[in-house]
Amino acid sequence: MNHRSIEANRIVVKVGTSSLIHPNGAVNLETFDQLAYTLSALTTREKN
């Protein structure tokens, strides 16, 4: 798997409501989980 190197002090992530909420109005917990995991990995790499 290729990994891109990011040399930045801050990364801004914009997540739309349609990505976080199912069409029926329920919260998409799987997306929240994946997002939290990914952002946590970035934080661990000293990114904020």
C-alpha atoms as a PDB file:
ATOM      1  CA  MET A   1       0.000   0.000   0.000  1.00  0.00           C
ATOM      2  CA  ASN A   2       1.328   3.433  -0.904  1.00  0.00           C
ATOM      3  CA  HIS A   3       1.391   6.045   1.822  1.00  0.00           C
ATOM      4  CA  ARG A   4       1.582   9.708   0.989  1.00  0.00           C
ATOM      5  CA  SER A   5       3.823  11.878   3.085  1.00  0.00           C
ATOM      6  CA  ILE A   6       2.091  14.925   4.509  1.00  0.00           C
ATOM      7  CA  GLU A   7       4.288  17.700   5.749  1.00  0.00           C
ATOM      8  CA  ALA A   8       1.874  20.052   7.445  1.00  0.00           C
ATOM      9  CA  ASN A   9       1.350  21.337  10.944  1.00  0.00           C
ATOM     10  CA  ARG A  10      -2.411  21.316  10.636  1.00  0.00           C
ATOM     11  CA  ILE A  11      -4.845  19.305   8.592  1.00  0.00           C
ATOM     12  CA  VAL A  12      -8.413  20.511   8.149  1.00  0.00           C
ATOM     13  CA  VAL A  13     -11.061  17.864   7.573  1.00  0.00           C
ATOM     14  CA  LYS A  14     -14.497  18.842   6.337  1.00  0.00           C
ATOM     15  CA  VAL A  15     -17.133  16.158   6.756  1.00  0.00           C
ATOM     16  CA  GLY A  16     -20.611  16.675   5.390  1.00  0.00           C
ATOM     17  CA  THR A  17     -23.769  15.741   7.233  1.00  0.00           C
ATOM     18  CA  SER A  18     -24.675  13.265   4.513  1.00  0.00           C
ATOM     19  CA  SER A  19     -21.496  11.332   5.373  1.00  0.00           C
ATOM     20  CA  LEU A  20     -22.383  11.122   9.059  1.00  0.00           C
ATOM     21  CA  ILE A  21     -26.123  10.498   8.890  1.00  0.00           C
ATOM     22  CA  HIS A  22     -27.952   7.681   7.092  1.00  0.00           C
ATOM     23  CA  PRO A  23     -30.846   8.698   4.785  1.00  0.00           C
ATOM     24  CA  ASN A  24     -33.286   7.493   7.475  1.00  0.00           C
ATOM     25  CA  GLY A  25     -31.844   9.998   9.972  1.00  0.00           C
ATOM     26  CA  ALA A  26     -29.861   7.501  12.049  1.00  0.00           C
ATOM     27  CA  VAL A  27     -26.262   8.285  12.932  1.00  0.00           C
ATOM     28  CA  ASN A  28     -23.729   6.419  10.800  1.00  0.00           C
ATOM     29  CA  LEU A  29     -21.575   5.022  13.595  1.00  0.00           C
ATOM     30  CA  GLU A  30     -19.291   3.126  11.219  1.00  0.00           C
ATOM     31  CA  THR A  31     -18.270   6.369   9.507  1.00  0.00           C
ATOM     32  CA  PHE A  32     -17.698   8.080  12.861  1.00  0.00           C
ATOM     33  CA  ASP A  33     -15.571   5.122  13.955  1.00  0.00           C
ATOM     34  CA  GLN A  34     -13.439   5.177  10.791  1.00  0.00           C
ATOM     35  CA  LEU A  35     -13.009   8.940  10.978  1.00  0.00           C
ATOM     36  CA  ALA A  36     -12.006   8.828  14.645  1.00  0.00           C
ATOM     37  CA  TYR A  37      -9.508   6.036  13.946  1.00  0.00           C
ATOM     38  CA  THR A  38      -7.923   7.938  11.057  1.00  0.00           C
ATOM     39  CA  LEU A  39      -7.730  11.249  12.922  1.00  0.00           C
ATOM     40  CA  SER A  40      -6.316   9.497  15.963  1.00  0.00           C
ATOM     41  CA  ALA A  41      -3.548   8.011  13.818  1.00  0.00           C
ATOM     42  CA  LEU A  42      -2.706  11.482  12.522  1.00  0.00           C
ATOM     43  CA  THR A  43      -2.659  12.893  16.041  1.00  0.00           C
ATOM     44  CA  THR A  44      -0.326  10.107  17.103  1.00  0.00           C
ATOM     45  CA  ARG A  45       1.980  11.273  14.328  1.00  0.00           C
ATOM     46  CA  GLU A  46       1.998  14.696  16.026  1.00  0.00           C
ATOM     47  CA  LYS A  47      -0.441  16.320  13.591  1.00  0.00           C
ATOM     48  CA  ASN A  48      -3.240  18.500  14.916  1.00  0.00           C
END
